[in-house]
Amino acid sequence: MIHRFSAVPAAALFVALATACAAPQPVSPLPVDAEATTTAASEPTPAPSASPTGPSHTRPSPAKQVRTSSACLGAVRFEVGTQEELQPASLCFHVGGVLRVAGAGPGEVRATPTSRTSSNYAGGVTDVRFVGAGTVTVTYPHGGGTWTVTVIVKR
């Protein structure tokens, strides 16, 4: 199953997510490795932060975030485009799920910690497969800055 963000009304997105999810489960961060120290803020900042512990979203103007349901998507493929206006702030997958980022160049999509992911780049698309449970931070270019998605990975 592939999900893709586009200029679809929010109600249609909620229906699509609800259809893809079996039973709603609350989503909360899982323990992280020491190498995954980046945190995601709920709102982007207008300029890059000088503080290493500051918000991780940097772009000239605020981006619109997609509100996703609190249910875990399962082991599915979920696609986002770096050129799309709507971007997710957080997602939940089961181990085996894939976040497909379209429109980024080689090496521009980063997932930490790397021990929980396996990434593959081909033809402007990076597939980040989640291979271990926990919290993973995925960053990619968006609107002249960097967008961060916090991904909860469940077994």
Protein backbone atom coordinates (compact mmCIF):
# COMPACT_ATOMS: atom_id res chain seq x y z
CA MET A 1 0.00 0.00 0.00
CA ILE A 2 1.43 3.42 -0.97
CA HIS A 3 0.34 6.68 0.66
CA ARG A 4 1.35 9.96 -0.98
CA PHE A 5 0.88 13.51 0.21
CA SER A 6 -0.62 15.89 -2.30
CA ALA A 7 -3.10 18.73 -2.33
CA VAL A 8 -5.84 16.36 -1.18
CA PRO A 9 -8.30 17.83 1.33
CA ALA A 10 -7.47 16.94 4.92
CA ALA A 11 -10.69 14.96 5.32
CA ALA A 12 -9.74 12.63 2.46
CA LEU A 13 -6.31 12.12 4.02
CA PHE A 14 -7.86 11.14 7.35
CA VAL A 15 -10.17 8.67 5.61
CA ALA A 16 -7.22 7.13 3.74
CA LEU A 17 -5.18 6.80 6.94
CA ALA A 18 -8.12 5.38 8.88
CA THR A 19 -8.68 2.80 6.14
CA ALA A 20 -5.02 1.76 6.18
CA CYS A 21 -4.95 1.35 9.95
CA ALA A 22 -6.35 -1.71 11.66
CA ALA A 23 -7.13 -0.48 15.18
CA PRO A 24 -6.14 2.93 16.56
CA GLN A 25 -3.28 2.74 19.03
CA PRO A 26 -1.79 5.69 20.89
CA VAL A 27 1.65 6.71 19.62
CA SER A 28 4.39 7.70 22.01
CA PRO A 29 8.16 7.95 21.62
CA LEU A 30 10.13 4.78 22.31
CA PRO A 31 13.59 4.68 23.91
CA VAL A 32 16.30 6.06 21.65
CA ASP A 33 19.99 5.35 21.20
CA ALA A 34 22.55 7.89 22.35
CA GLU A 35 23.42 8.69 18.70
CA ALA A 36 19.84 9.86 18.03
CA THR A 37 19.93 13.18 19.85
CA THR A 38 18.00 15.28 17.33
CA THR A 39 14.52 16.27 18.46
CA ALA A 40 11.68 17.41 16.25
CA ALA A 41 9.73 20.54 17.06
CA SER A 42 6.07 20.86 16.29
CA GLU A 43 6.54 24.17 14.48
CA PRO A 44 9.27 25.12 12.00
CA THR A 45 11.48 28.08 12.84
CA PRO A 46 11.92 31.02 10.47
CA ALA A 47 15.73 30.71 10.46
CA PRO A 48 18.32 28.07 11.37
CA SER A 49 18.90 27.79 15.11
CA ALA A 50 22.36 28.50 16.46
CA SER A 51 21.73 26.17 19.40
CA PRO A 52 22.49 22.48 18.79
CA THR A 53 19.53 21.58 21.01
CA GLY A 54 17.12 23.95 19.28
CA PRO A 55 14.34 23.02 16.86
CA SER A 56 15.46 20.90 13.95
CA HIS A 57 13.19 22.43 11.29
CA THR A 58 14.85 25.20 9.33
CA ARG A 59 13.19 26.98 6.45
CA PRO A 60 12.50 30.58 5.43
CA SER A 61 8.74 30.38 5.90
CA PRO A 62 6.57 28.04 7.98
CA ALA A 63 5.54 24.82 6.24
CA LYS A 64 2.14 23.28 6.64
CA GLN A 65 2.12 20.04 8.57
CA VAL A 66 -0.14 17.12 7.86
CA ARG A 67 -2.04 15.92 10.88
CA THR A 68 -1.90 12.16 10.89
CA SER A 69 -4.03 9.92 13.08
CA SER A 70 -2.52 8.50 16.25
CA ALA A 71 -2.75 4.96 14.82
CA CYS A 72 0.32 3.13 13.60
CA LEU A 73 0.36 2.65 9.83
CA GLY A 74 1.81 -0.86 10.00
CA ALA A 75 4.48 -2.27 7.66
CA VAL A 76 3.45 -0.16 4.65
CA ARG A 77 5.15 2.19 2.19
CA PHE A 78 4.40 5.88 2.85
CA GLU A 79 5.52 8.48 0.30
CA VAL A 80 6.33 12.15 0.80
CA GLY A 81 7.59 14.60 -1.81
CA THR A 82 10.15 17.23 -0.90
CA GLN A 83 8.34 19.71 -3.16
CA GLU A 84 4.91 19.16 -1.57
CA GLU A 85 3.66 21.88 0.75
CA LEU A 86 2.19 19.48 3.33
CA GLN A 87 4.77 17.53 5.35
CA PRO A 88 4.32 15.11 8.26
CA ALA A 89 5.79 15.99 11.66
CA SER A 90 5.63 12.42 12.94
CA LEU A 91 4.67 8.97 11.71
CA CYS A 92 4.36 5.46 13.11
CA PHE A 93 5.29 2.26 11.28
CA HIS A 94 5.78 -1.35 12.22
CA VAL A 95 9.17 -2.91 11.52
CA GLY A 96 9.38 -3.41 7.75
CA GLY A 97 7.61 -0.14 6.93
CA VAL A 98 9.17 2.21 4.37
CA LEU A 99 9.23 6.01 4.21
CA ARG A 100 9.73 6.94 0.54
CA VAL A 101 11.12 10.45 0.04
CA ALA A 102 10.79 11.67 -3.57
CA GLY A 103 12.69 14.65 -4.95
CA ALA A 104 15.84 14.57 -2.81
CA GLY A 105 19.32 14.06 -4.19
CA PRO A 106 21.77 11.32 -3.25
CA GLY A 107 22.77 11.58 0.41
CA GLU A 108 20.21 14.31 1.21
CA VAL A 109 17.89 12.03 3.21
CA ARG A 110 19.32 11.02 6.58
CA ALA A 111 17.88 8.64 9.15
CA THR A 112 19.30 8.29 12.68
CA PRO A 113 20.08 6.03 14.35
CA THR A 114 21.30 4.10 11.34
CA SER A 115 21.08 0.82 13.28
CA ARG A 116 17.27 0.93 12.94
CA THR A 117 17.12 1.74 9.21
CA SER A 118 18.23 0.58 5.79
CA SER A 119 18.24 3.24 3.06
CA ASN A 120 18.34 2.95 -0.72
CA TYR A 121 18.58 5.79 -3.27
CA ALA A 122 17.64 5.49 -6.95
CA GLY A 123 16.42 8.05 -9.49
CA GLY A 124 15.59 10.89 -7.11
CA VAL A 125 13.82 8.64 -4.59
CA THR A 126 15.16 7.47 -1.24
CA ASP A 127 13.50 4.53 0.49
CA VAL A 128 14.11 4.39 4.24
CA ARG A 129 13.14 0.93 5.51
CA PHE A 130 12.67 0.61 9.28
CA VAL A 131 14.41 -2.57 10.47
CA GLY A 132 14.39 -2.09 14.26
CA ALA A 133 11.90 -0.86 16.85
CA GLY A 134 12.39 2.54 18.50
CA THR A 135 12.37 6.20 17.53
CA VAL A 136 14.06 7.26 14.29
CA THR A 137 14.65 10.81 13.07
CA VAL A 138 14.48 11.31 9.30
CA THR A 139 15.63 14.61 7.76
CA TYR A 140 15.37 15.75 4.15
CA PRO A 141 15.50 19.01 2.17
CA HIS A 142 12.33 21.06 1.98
CA GLY A 143 11.72 24.65 0.89
CA GLY A 144 15.35 25.76 1.06
CA GLY A 145 15.86 24.25 4.51
CA THR A 146 15.62 20.91 6.25
CA TRP A 147 12.48 19.07 7.37
CA THR A 148 12.53 16.55 10.22
CA VAL A 149 10.07 13.70 10.72
CA THR A 150 10.05 11.74 13.96
CA VAL A 151 9.17 8.11 13.21
CA ILE A 152 8.03 5.66 15.86
CA VAL A 153 8.81 2.09 14.83
CA LYS A 154 6.94 -0.75 16.56
CA ARG A 155 7.47 -4.49 16.38
